[in-house]
Structure formats: C-alpha cells, structure tokens
Amino acid sequence: MLVPERRDLLLARLHRDGRVIAKDLAAELGLSEDSVRRDLRELAAAGLCQRVYGGAVPASPAVADYATRAGVAVDSKARVAAAAVQLVEPGSTVILDGGTTTLAVARALPPDLVATVVTHSPTVAAALVEHPGVEVYVLGGRLFKHSAVTSGAAAVEAAGAVNADLFLLGVTGVHPESGLTTGDADEAAMKRALARRAADTYVLASVEKIGAASPFTVLPLSAVAGVVTDAPPTDEVMVRLGRLGVPVVQAATG
C-alpha cells in the first residue's frame, strides 16, 4: 500500500470509528507501528487529526480563529443555544464562557429575563447591552484575540470572587476518551477556573465538536453536569457517551 493510500485509509477510519489505535491498525495492515505513527504525525501536522496516547482522534474544526468559527455550524450552534437557555433560571447568576456558541446563547436569552451574567468575553457582554433585566459583569485580564476572551492571572483572580449557579462552558472537542478539550493551554486553565466557581457546569457542544479533540484538556466528562448538543442520540459517539453515564441535554437535531 502506497503512503497516500495508507493516509487516506487512516482518515477514513478516523471518520468511521472516531479514533485510530496505531498498534491495531499496524497489525491489520502488516506494517510496523512506527510507520503508522509517522503517518499520524504528518496528518496531525496538517491539522487532520489530533494525536493521543496510542493513536489519534479527529481534530476539531473549532480551533480556527474567531472570525472563521463564526461561520462554522451556525444552525447547529443556534439549536444548542435554544436548548441551553432553558437551563437559565430567572434570578440566577450565570457564567457565560467565550466563543461563538455562547454568543448565540446570549442572543437567545429571553428579553424579559432578570438574571446576572458573568463573562470574560467582551462580545458576549456587548450582546447583552440591550437586555434591561440582565446585570452584566465582565472579568478583566489579557485579551486572547484568537477567541476574543480575557485570560491569564488577572482574569483567573477576578473569577475567584464569583459564586454562580450555572456555567455554560464552550470547548472545541467532546470525546469519550479525551474528554473536554480546547486549543490553548491558558484558555483551558481559565475555563477550569470558571468551572470551579459554579454549582453546575454544562458543556455547549454543537455537532462538529462531538467526537473531536484538541491538544489541551479542560475537564474530564465526569466533572460536568451534562452536555448540551444537537448531535443525534444514535450517533456512535453519543452512544459511547451514554455508556459512560454522561448526561445529555438534547437539543433539536438538524
């Protein structure tokens, strides 16, 4: 088998199974494990997969810059947002993460809602300017332009003063083995800091994030109250998440 054919096969298996185990595929194809790992390294360098211990999983398309992500899976994010706003109780304090899905949540909040929103996203805060009953607190810090959020020591320190009922968490990947991931280490740390300040954390996962992974772990799946997604319950990854006991808030499917 030629190298391009082998790499096409690897990508097909990633798409079909949601993962590739280097040892197993090497035995199946009669190749050395080093050959398969070399192929995976080159696919990862091209952004086509995310290497994990023992093999690889699909790379998330949600690691692109903010402007690009704004045009990805727009309808899916709207469906997730519509389900997520049902978790927001009147009078509650809610932390909204940054990102295009949480921006969709902010825009979907009922205009008569009375609540407090804490966010480290200037774009989310701006979307709530016209909500008369929503008190908005913005956490300051270094602006991470890739995701249009504040992060770093100052932002983490500011988060320490917050006690919230709910955190709506944005990630770039939700995977049964890799857990909840994102593309930047400092951003992952900020998300963990916010999760520690809320009674319940729910993950916002539009369909393109299900079964994908990024380099930095945010939280294990066991650390959240549930995953809000429009991925069909029959999706193989969703079935695997169910077997792990991960609660799902089912949004409308596309």
C-alpha atoms as a PDB file:
ATOM      1  CA  MET A   1       0.000   0.000   0.000  1.00  0.00           C
ATOM      2  CA  LEU A   2       1.387   3.388  -1.033  1.00  0.00           C
ATOM      3  CA  VAL A   3       1.803   6.117   1.571  1.00  0.00           C
ATOM      4  CA  PRO A   4      -1.039   8.320   0.190  1.00  0.00           C
ATOM      5  CA  GLU A   5      -3.375   5.305   0.158  1.00  0.00           C
ATOM      6  CA  ARG A   6      -2.410   4.484   3.728  1.00  0.00           C
ATOM      7  CA  ARG A   7      -3.127   8.002   4.885  1.00  0.00           C
ATOM      8  CA  ASP A   8      -6.477   8.024   3.100  1.00  0.00           C
ATOM      9  CA  LEU A   9      -7.289   4.818   4.952  1.00  0.00           C
ATOM     10  CA  LEU A  10      -6.304   6.397   8.276  1.00  0.00           C
ATOM     11  CA  LEU A  11      -8.581   9.355   7.635  1.00  0.00           C
ATOM     12  CA  ALA A  12     -11.426   7.063   6.613  1.00  0.00           C
ATOM     13  CA  ARG A  13     -11.058   5.067   9.840  1.00  0.00           C
ATOM     14  CA  LEU A  14     -10.983   8.261  11.891  1.00  0.00           C
ATOM     15  CA  HIS A  15     -14.197   9.359  10.231  1.00  0.00           C
ATOM     16  CA  ARG A  16     -15.855   5.956  10.631  1.00  0.00           C
ATOM     17  CA  ASP A  17     -14.699   4.941  14.111  1.00  0.00           C
ATOM     18  CA  GLY A  18     -13.825   8.262  15.732  1.00  0.00           C
ATOM     19  CA  ARG A  19     -10.326   7.008  16.607  1.00  0.00           C
ATOM     20  CA  VAL A  20      -7.348   5.048  15.331  1.00  0.00           C
ATOM     21  CA  ILE A  21      -5.273   2.720  17.503  1.00  0.00           C
ATOM     22  CA  ALA A  22      -1.792   2.612  15.969  1.00  0.00           C
ATOM     23  CA  LYS A  23      -0.933  -0.859  17.266  1.00  0.00           C
ATOM     24  CA  ASP A  24      -4.152  -2.434  15.993  1.00  0.00           C
ATOM     25  CA  LEU A  25      -4.009  -0.818  12.564  1.00  0.00           C
ATOM     26  CA  ALA A  26      -0.347  -1.763  12.126  1.00  0.00           C
ATOM     27  CA  ALA A  27      -1.183  -5.402  12.830  1.00  0.00           C
ATOM     28  CA  GLU A  28      -4.146  -5.298  10.444  1.00  0.00           C
ATOM     29  CA  LEU A  29      -2.091  -3.844   7.587  1.00  0.00           C
ATOM     30  CA  GLY A  30       1.080  -5.804   8.254  1.00  0.00           C
ATOM     31  CA  LEU A  31       3.085  -2.624   8.883  1.00  0.00           C
ATOM     32  CA  SER A  32       5.375  -1.507  11.653  1.00  0.00           C
ATOM     33  CA  GLU A  33       3.755   0.565  14.378  1.00  0.00           C
ATOM     34  CA  ASP A  34       6.362   3.256  13.696  1.00  0.00           C
ATOM     35  CA  SER A  35       5.071   3.615  10.123  1.00  0.00           C
ATOM     36  CA  VAL A  36       1.525   4.208  11.326  1.00  0.00           C
ATOM     37  CA  ARG A  37       2.698   6.652  13.995  1.00  0.00           C
ATOM     38  CA  ARG A  38       4.723   8.549  11.384  1.00  0.00           C
ATOM     39  CA  ASP A  39       1.641   8.847   9.198  1.00  0.00           C
ATOM     40  CA  LEU A  40      -0.373  10.110  12.158  1.00  0.00           C
ATOM     41  CA  ARG A  41       2.283  12.695  12.985  1.00  0.00           C
ATOM     42  CA  GLU A  42       2.128  14.056   9.443  1.00  0.00           C
ATOM     43  CA  LEU A  43      -1.677  14.080   9.431  1.00  0.00           C
ATOM     44  CA  ALA A  44      -1.639  15.909  12.770  1.00  0.00           C
ATOM     45  CA  ALA A  45       0.843  18.465  11.413  1.00  0.00           C
ATOM     46  CA  ALA A  46      -1.628  19.111   8.597  1.00  0.00           C
ATOM     47  CA  GLY A  47      -4.433  19.617  11.123  1.00  0.00           C
ATOM     48  CA  LEU A  48      -6.282  16.473  10.025  1.00  0.00           C
ATOM     49  CA  CYS A  49      -6.179  14.591  13.332  1.00  0.00           C
ATOM     50  CA  GLN A  50      -5.278  15.005  16.979  1.00  0.00           C
ATOM     51  CA  ARG A  51      -2.701  12.561  18.290  1.00  0.00           C
ATOM     52  CA  VAL A  52      -3.454  10.923  21.635  1.00  0.00           C
ATOM     53  CA  TYR A  53      -1.779   8.158  23.607  1.00  0.00           C
ATOM     54  CA  GLY A  54      -1.742   5.055  21.425  1.00  0.00           C
ATOM     55  CA  GLY A  55      -3.145   6.623  18.284  1.00  0.00           C
ATOM     56  CA  ALA A  56      -5.287   9.543  17.135  1.00  0.00           C
ATOM     57  CA  VAL A  57      -8.802  11.006  17.163  1.00  0.00           C
ATOM     58  CA  PRO A  58     -10.439  13.519  14.778  1.00  0.00           C
ATOM     59  CA  ALA A  59      -9.181  17.091  15.059  1.00  0.00           C
ATOM     60  CA  SER A  60     -11.773  19.713  15.915  1.00  0.00           C
ATOM     61  CA  PRO A  61     -12.668  22.266  13.218  1.00  0.00           C
ATOM     62  CA  ALA A  62     -13.490  24.661  16.069  1.00  0.00           C
ATOM     63  CA  VAL A  63      -9.842  25.596  16.703  1.00  0.00           C
ATOM     64  CA  ALA A  64      -9.851  28.160  13.888  1.00  0.00           C
ATOM     65  CA  ASP A  65      -9.738  31.879  14.679  1.00  0.00           C
ATOM     66  CA  TYR A  66     -12.838  33.630  15.995  1.00  0.00           C
ATOM     67  CA  ALA A  67     -13.897  35.158  12.683  1.00  0.00           C
ATOM     68  CA  THR A  68     -13.681  31.790  10.925  1.00  0.00           C
ATOM     69  CA  ARG A  69     -15.563  29.965  13.685  1.00  0.00           C
ATOM     70  CA  ALA A  70     -18.375  32.486  13.460  1.00  0.00           C
ATOM     71  CA  GLY A  71     -19.292  30.906  10.124  1.00  0.00           C
ATOM     72  CA  VAL A  72     -18.976  27.261  11.196  1.00  0.00           C
ATOM     73  CA  ALA A  73     -22.097  25.214  12.054  1.00  0.00           C
ATOM     74  CA  VAL A  74     -24.221  28.331  12.571  1.00  0.00           C
ATOM     75  CA  ASP A  75     -27.540  26.451  12.593  1.00  0.00           C
ATOM     76  CA  SER A  76     -26.159  23.794  14.942  1.00  0.00           C
ATOM     77  CA  LYS A  77     -24.998  26.451  17.406  1.00  0.00           C
ATOM     78  CA  ALA A  78     -28.416  28.104  17.294  1.00  0.00           C
ATOM     79  CA  ARG A  79     -30.086  24.790  18.182  1.00  0.00           C
ATOM     80  CA  VAL A  80     -27.682  24.238  21.082  1.00  0.00           C
ATOM     81  CA  ALA A  81     -28.266  27.808  22.280  1.00  0.00           C
ATOM     82  CA  ALA A  82     -32.037  27.345  22.216  1.00  0.00           C
ATOM     83  CA  ALA A  83     -31.705  24.308  24.492  1.00  0.00           C
ATOM     84  CA  ALA A  84     -29.118  25.924  26.748  1.00  0.00           C
ATOM     85  CA  VAL A  85     -31.220  28.988  27.577  1.00  0.00           C
ATOM     86  CA  GLN A  86     -33.749  26.638  29.187  1.00  0.00           C
ATOM     87  CA  LEU A  87     -31.131  25.950  31.871  1.00  0.00           C
ATOM     88  CA  VAL A  88     -31.010  29.622  32.893  1.00  0.00           C
ATOM     89  CA  GLU A  89     -33.345  30.255  35.820  1.00  0.00           C
ATOM     90  CA  PRO A  90     -34.778  33.730  36.498  1.00  0.00           C
ATOM     91  CA  GLY A  91     -32.849  35.413  39.298  1.00  0.00           C
ATOM     92  CA  SER A  92     -29.817  33.153  38.891  1.00  0.00           C
ATOM     93  CA  THR A  93     -26.164  34.026  38.407  1.00  0.00           C
ATOM     94  CA  VAL A  94     -24.750  32.529  35.218  1.00  0.00           C
ATOM     95  CA  ILE A  95     -21.199  32.430  33.899  1.00  0.00           C
ATOM     96  CA  LEU A  96     -21.092  32.539  30.104  1.00  0.00           C
ATOM     97  CA  ASP A  97     -17.852  31.344  28.542  1.00  0.00           C
ATOM     98  CA  GLY A  98     -16.461  32.951  25.419  1.00  0.00           C
ATOM     99  CA  GLY A  99     -16.921  31.652  21.897  1.00  0.00           C
ATOM    100  CA  THR A 100     -19.445  31.688  19.115  1.00  0.00           C
ATOM    101  CA  THR A 101     -21.846  29.198  20.721  1.00  0.00           C
ATOM    102  CA  THR A 102     -22.082  31.157  23.978  1.00  0.00           C
ATOM    103  CA  LEU A 103     -22.592  34.291  21.907  1.00  0.00           C
ATOM    104  CA  ALA A 104     -25.579  32.523  20.353  1.00  0.00           C
ATOM    105  CA  VAL A 105     -26.816  31.754  23.898  1.00  0.00           C
ATOM    106  CA  ALA A 106     -26.540  35.421  24.905  1.00  0.00           C
ATOM    107  CA  ARG A 107     -28.556  36.442  21.872  1.00  0.00           C
ATOM    108  CA  ALA A 108     -31.191  33.774  22.590  1.00  0.00           C
ATOM    109  CA  LEU A 109     -31.856  34.787  26.197  1.00  0.00           C
ATOM    110  CA  PRO A 110     -35.446  35.983  26.700  1.00  0.00           C
ATOM    111  CA  PRO A 111     -35.670  39.801  26.527  1.00  0.00           C
ATOM    112  CA  ASP A 112     -37.564  39.899  29.839  1.00  0.00           C
ATOM    113  CA  LEU A 113     -35.073  37.721  31.725  1.00  0.00           C
ATOM    114  CA  VAL A 114     -33.921  39.004  35.102  1.00  0.00           C
ATOM    115  CA  ALA A 115     -30.557  37.457  35.943  1.00  0.00           C
ATOM    116  CA  THR A 116     -26.866  38.161  36.497  1.00  0.00           C
ATOM    117  CA  VAL A 117     -24.359  37.179  33.811  1.00  0.00           C
ATOM    118  CA  VAL A 118     -20.621  36.996  34.439  1.00  0.00           C
ATOM    119  CA  THR A 119     -18.387  36.626  31.392  1.00  0.00           C
ATOM    120  CA  HIS A 120     -14.798  37.013  30.249  1.00  0.00           C
ATOM    121  CA  SER A 121     -15.977  37.639  26.695  1.00  0.00           C
ATOM    122  CA  PRO A 122     -16.348  41.262  25.530  1.00  0.00           C
ATOM    123  CA  THR A 123     -18.508  40.085  22.607  1.00  0.00           C
ATOM    124  CA  VAL A 124     -20.900  38.219  24.915  1.00  0.00           C
ATOM    125  CA  ALA A 125     -21.094  41.248  27.216  1.00  0.00           C
ATOM    126  CA  ALA A 126     -21.855  43.549  24.280  1.00  0.00           C
ATOM    127  CA  ALA A 127     -24.655  41.231  23.118  1.00  0.00           C
ATOM    128  CA  LEU A 128     -26.373  41.735  26.486  1.00  0.00           C
ATOM    129  CA  VAL A 129     -26.346  45.542  26.451  1.00  0.00           C
ATOM    130  CA  GLU A 130     -29.971  45.647  25.286  1.00  0.00           C
ATOM    131  CA  HIS A 131     -31.212  43.191  27.951  1.00  0.00           C
ATOM    132  CA  PRO A 132     -32.647  45.549  30.574  1.00  0.00           C
ATOM    133  CA  GLY A 133     -33.072  42.906  33.274  1.00  0.00           C
ATOM    134  CA  VAL A 134     -29.645  41.283  32.916  1.00  0.00           C
ATOM    135  CA  GLU A 135     -26.873  42.601  35.125  1.00  0.00           C
ATOM    136  CA  VAL A 136     -23.541  42.032  33.365  1.00  0.00           C
ATOM    137  CA  TYR A 137     -20.112  41.668  34.981  1.00  0.00           C
ATOM    138  CA  VAL A 138     -17.043  41.457  32.760  1.00  0.00           C
ATOM    139  CA  LEU A 139     -13.902  39.752  34.046  1.00  0.00           C
ATOM    140  CA  GLY A 140     -10.781  41.652  33.046  1.00  0.00           C
ATOM    141  CA  GLY A 141      -7.383  40.351  32.022  1.00  0.00           C
ATOM    142  CA  ARG A 142      -5.208  39.870  28.965  1.00  0.00           C
ATOM    143  CA  LEU A 143      -7.277  39.699  25.783  1.00  0.00           C
ATOM    144  CA  PHE A 144      -6.689  36.425  23.961  1.00  0.00           C
ATOM    145  CA  LYS A 145      -7.537  37.640  20.475  1.00  0.00           C
ATOM    146  CA  HIS A 146      -7.852  34.193  18.908  1.00  0.00           C
ATOM    147  CA  SER A 147     -11.026  33.556  20.920  1.00  0.00           C
ATOM    148  CA  ALA A 148     -11.907  37.154  21.926  1.00  0.00           C
ATOM    149  CA  VAL A 149     -11.793  36.378  25.664  1.00  0.00           C
ATOM    150  CA  THR A 150      -9.725  37.523  28.609  1.00  0.00           C
ATOM    151  CA  SER A 151      -7.369  35.047  30.238  1.00  0.00           C
ATOM    152  CA  GLY A 152      -4.231  34.950  32.343  1.00  0.00           C
ATOM    153  CA  ALA A 153      -3.556  35.582  36.026  1.00  0.00           C
ATOM    154  CA  ALA A 154      -5.707  38.715  36.349  1.00  0.00           C
ATOM    155  CA  ALA A 155      -8.746  37.025  34.798  1.00  0.00           C
ATOM    156  CA  VAL A 156      -8.334  33.915  36.973  1.00  0.00           C
ATOM    157  CA  GLU A 157      -8.038  36.104  40.088  1.00  0.00           C
ATOM    158  CA  ALA A 158     -11.192  38.017  39.132  1.00  0.00           C
ATOM    159  CA  ALA A 159     -13.055  34.739  38.643  1.00  0.00           C
ATOM    160  CA  GLY A 160     -12.212  33.775  42.232  1.00  0.00           C
ATOM    161  CA  ALA A 161     -14.683  36.379  43.523  1.00  0.00           C
ATOM    162  CA  VAL A 162     -17.620  34.831  41.660  1.00  0.00           C
ATOM    163  CA  ASN A 163     -20.186  32.360  43.016  1.00  0.00           C
ATOM    164  CA  ALA A 164     -22.545  31.259  40.269  1.00  0.00           C
ATOM    165  CA  ASP A 165     -25.431  28.854  39.866  1.00  0.00           C
ATOM    166  CA  LEU A 166     -24.521  27.812  36.335  1.00  0.00           C
ATOM    167  CA  PHE A 167     -21.545  27.857  33.967  1.00  0.00           C
ATOM    168  CA  LEU A 168     -22.159  27.362  30.265  1.00  0.00           C
ATOM    169  CA  LEU A 169     -18.813  26.076  29.013  1.00  0.00           C
ATOM    170  CA  GLY A 170     -17.554  26.230  25.456  1.00  0.00           C
ATOM    171  CA  VAL A 171     -14.997  23.698  24.209  1.00  0.00           C
ATOM    172  CA  THR A 172     -13.631  22.651  20.834  1.00  0.00           C
ATOM    173  CA  GLY A 173     -13.866  18.905  21.397  1.00  0.00           C
ATOM    174  CA  VAL A 174     -16.010  16.371  23.264  1.00  0.00           C
ATOM    175  CA  HIS A 175     -14.574  12.873  23.070  1.00  0.00           C
ATOM    176  CA  PRO A 176     -15.267   9.738  25.153  1.00  0.00           C
ATOM    177  CA  GLU A 177     -11.555   9.123  25.803  1.00  0.00           C
ATOM    178  CA  SER A 178     -10.014  12.591  25.528  1.00  0.00           C
ATOM    179  CA  GLY A 179     -12.752  14.350  27.482  1.00  0.00           C
ATOM    180  CA  LEU A 180     -13.360  18.067  27.039  1.00  0.00           C
ATOM    181  CA  THR A 181     -10.590  19.872  25.180  1.00  0.00           C
ATOM    182  CA  THR A 182      -9.603  23.187  23.653  1.00  0.00           C
ATOM    183  CA  GLY A 183      -6.757  24.534  21.567  1.00  0.00           C
ATOM    184  CA  ASP A 184      -4.881  26.780  24.029  1.00  0.00           C
ATOM    185  CA  ALA A 185      -3.396  25.932  27.440  1.00  0.00           C
ATOM    186  CA  ASP A 186      -4.120  29.314  29.072  1.00  0.00           C
ATOM    187  CA  GLU A 187      -7.678  29.274  27.783  1.00  0.00           C
ATOM    188  CA  ALA A 188      -8.145  25.761  29.171  1.00  0.00           C
ATOM    189  CA  ALA A 189      -6.903  26.968  32.577  1.00  0.00           C
ATOM    190  CA  MET A 190      -9.349  29.881  32.505  1.00  0.00           C
ATOM    191  CA  LYS A 191     -12.233  27.568  31.726  1.00  0.00           C
ATOM    192  CA  ARG A 192     -11.279  25.345  34.680  1.00  0.00           C
ATOM    193  CA  ALA A 193     -11.147  28.394  36.938  1.00  0.00           C
ATOM    194  CA  LEU A 194     -14.651  29.395  35.862  1.00  0.00           C
ATOM    195  CA  ALA A 195     -15.996  25.866  36.323  1.00  0.00           C
ATOM    196  CA  ARG A 196     -14.778  25.915  39.938  1.00  0.00           C
ATOM    197  CA  ARG A 197     -16.971  28.963  40.620  1.00  0.00           C
ATOM    198  CA  ALA A 198     -20.303  27.426  39.539  1.00  0.00           C
ATOM    199  CA  ALA A 199     -22.621  24.918  41.166  1.00  0.00           C
ATOM    200  CA  ASP A 200     -23.267  23.243  37.803  1.00  0.00           C
ATOM    201  CA  THR A 201     -21.317  23.262  34.549  1.00  0.00           C
ATOM    202  CA  TYR A 202     -22.926  22.322  31.254  1.00  0.00           C
ATOM    203  CA  VAL A 203     -20.943  21.920  28.036  1.00  0.00           C
ATOM    204  CA  LEU A 204     -22.175  23.549  24.841  1.00  0.00           C
ATOM    205  CA  ALA A 205     -21.366  21.134  22.030  1.00  0.00           C
ATOM    206  CA  SER A 206     -22.582  21.828  18.527  1.00  0.00           C
ATOM    207  CA  VAL A 207     -22.430  18.767  16.322  1.00  0.00           C
ATOM    208  CA  GLU A 208     -18.966  19.370  14.808  1.00  0.00           C
ATOM    209  CA  LYS A 209     -17.368  19.153  18.273  1.00  0.00           C
ATOM    210  CA  ILE A 210     -18.769  15.723  19.136  1.00  0.00           C
ATOM    211  CA  GLY A 211     -16.094  13.051  18.691  1.00  0.00           C
ATOM    212  CA  ALA A 212     -13.329  15.610  18.083  1.00  0.00           C
ATOM    213  CA  ALA A 213     -10.370  16.569  20.259  1.00  0.00           C
ATOM    214  CA  SER A 214      -7.846  19.385  20.671  1.00  0.00           C
ATOM    215  CA  PRO A 215      -4.438  19.475  22.375  1.00  0.00           C
ATOM    216  CA  PHE A 216      -5.360  20.749  25.861  1.00  0.00           C
ATOM    217  CA  THR A 217      -7.710  19.139  28.363  1.00  0.00           C
ATOM    218  CA  VAL A 218     -10.249  21.405  30.047  1.00  0.00           C
ATOM    219  CA  LEU A 219     -12.103  18.902  32.238  1.00  0.00           C
ATOM    220  CA  PRO A 220     -12.955  15.215  32.308  1.00  0.00           C
ATOM    221  CA  LEU A 221     -16.500  14.380  31.283  1.00  0.00           C
ATOM    222  CA  SER A 222     -17.229  13.292  34.856  1.00  0.00           C
ATOM    223  CA  ALA A 223     -16.711  16.883  36.085  1.00  0.00           C
ATOM    224  CA  VAL A 224     -19.738  18.375  34.308  1.00  0.00           C
ATOM    225  CA  ALA A 225     -23.474  18.165  34.924  1.00  0.00           C
ATOM    226  CA  GLY A 226     -24.220  17.497  31.278  1.00  0.00           C
ATOM    227  CA  VAL A 227     -23.571  18.086  27.594  1.00  0.00           C
ATOM    228  CA  VAL A 228     -25.951  20.231  25.548  1.00  0.00           C
ATOM    229  CA  THR A 229     -25.836  19.056  21.944  1.00  0.00           C
ATOM    230  CA  ASP A 230     -27.809  18.662  18.752  1.00  0.00           C
ATOM    231  CA  ALA A 231     -25.912  15.517  17.737  1.00  0.00           C
ATOM    232  CA  PRO A 232     -28.402  12.680  17.153  1.00  0.00           C
ATOM    233  CA  PRO A 233     -28.727  10.236  20.067  1.00  0.00           C
ATOM    234  CA  THR A 234     -27.972   7.420  17.613  1.00  0.00           C
ATOM    235  CA  ASP A 235     -24.571   8.906  16.718  1.00  0.00           C
ATOM    236  CA  GLU A 236     -21.849   6.414  17.651  1.00  0.00           C
ATOM    237  CA  VAL A 237     -20.009   8.892  19.865  1.00  0.00           C
ATOM    238  CA  MET A 238     -23.232   9.839  21.634  1.00  0.00           C
ATOM    239  CA  VAL A 239     -23.924   6.168  22.286  1.00  0.00           C
ATOM    240  CA  ARG A 240     -20.449   5.808  23.801  1.00  0.00           C
ATOM    241  CA  LEU A 241     -21.004   8.896  25.960  1.00  0.00           C
ATOM    242  CA  GLY A 242     -24.259   7.358  27.171  1.00  0.00           C
ATOM    243  CA  ARG A 243     -22.469   4.177  28.155  1.00  0.00           C
ATOM    244  CA  LEU A 244     -20.108   6.307  30.236  1.00  0.00           C
ATOM    245  CA  GLY A 245     -23.082   7.805  32.044  1.00  0.00           C
ATOM    246  CA  VAL A 246     -22.658  11.318  30.644  1.00  0.00           C
ATOM    247  CA  PRO A 247     -25.961  13.237  30.999  1.00  0.00           C
ATOM    248  CA  VAL A 248     -27.164  14.844  27.772  1.00  0.00           C
ATOM    249  CA  VAL A 249     -29.471  17.810  27.257  1.00  0.00           C
ATOM    250  CA  GLN A 250     -30.807  17.037  23.817  1.00  0.00           C
ATOM    251  CA  ALA A 251     -31.266  19.994  21.502  1.00  0.00           C
ATOM    252  CA  ALA A 252     -33.276  19.742  18.319  1.00  0.00           C
ATOM    253  CA  THR A 253     -31.347  17.853  15.643  1.00  0.00           C
ATOM    254  CA  GLY A 254     -30.639  19.165  12.161  1.00  0.00           C
END
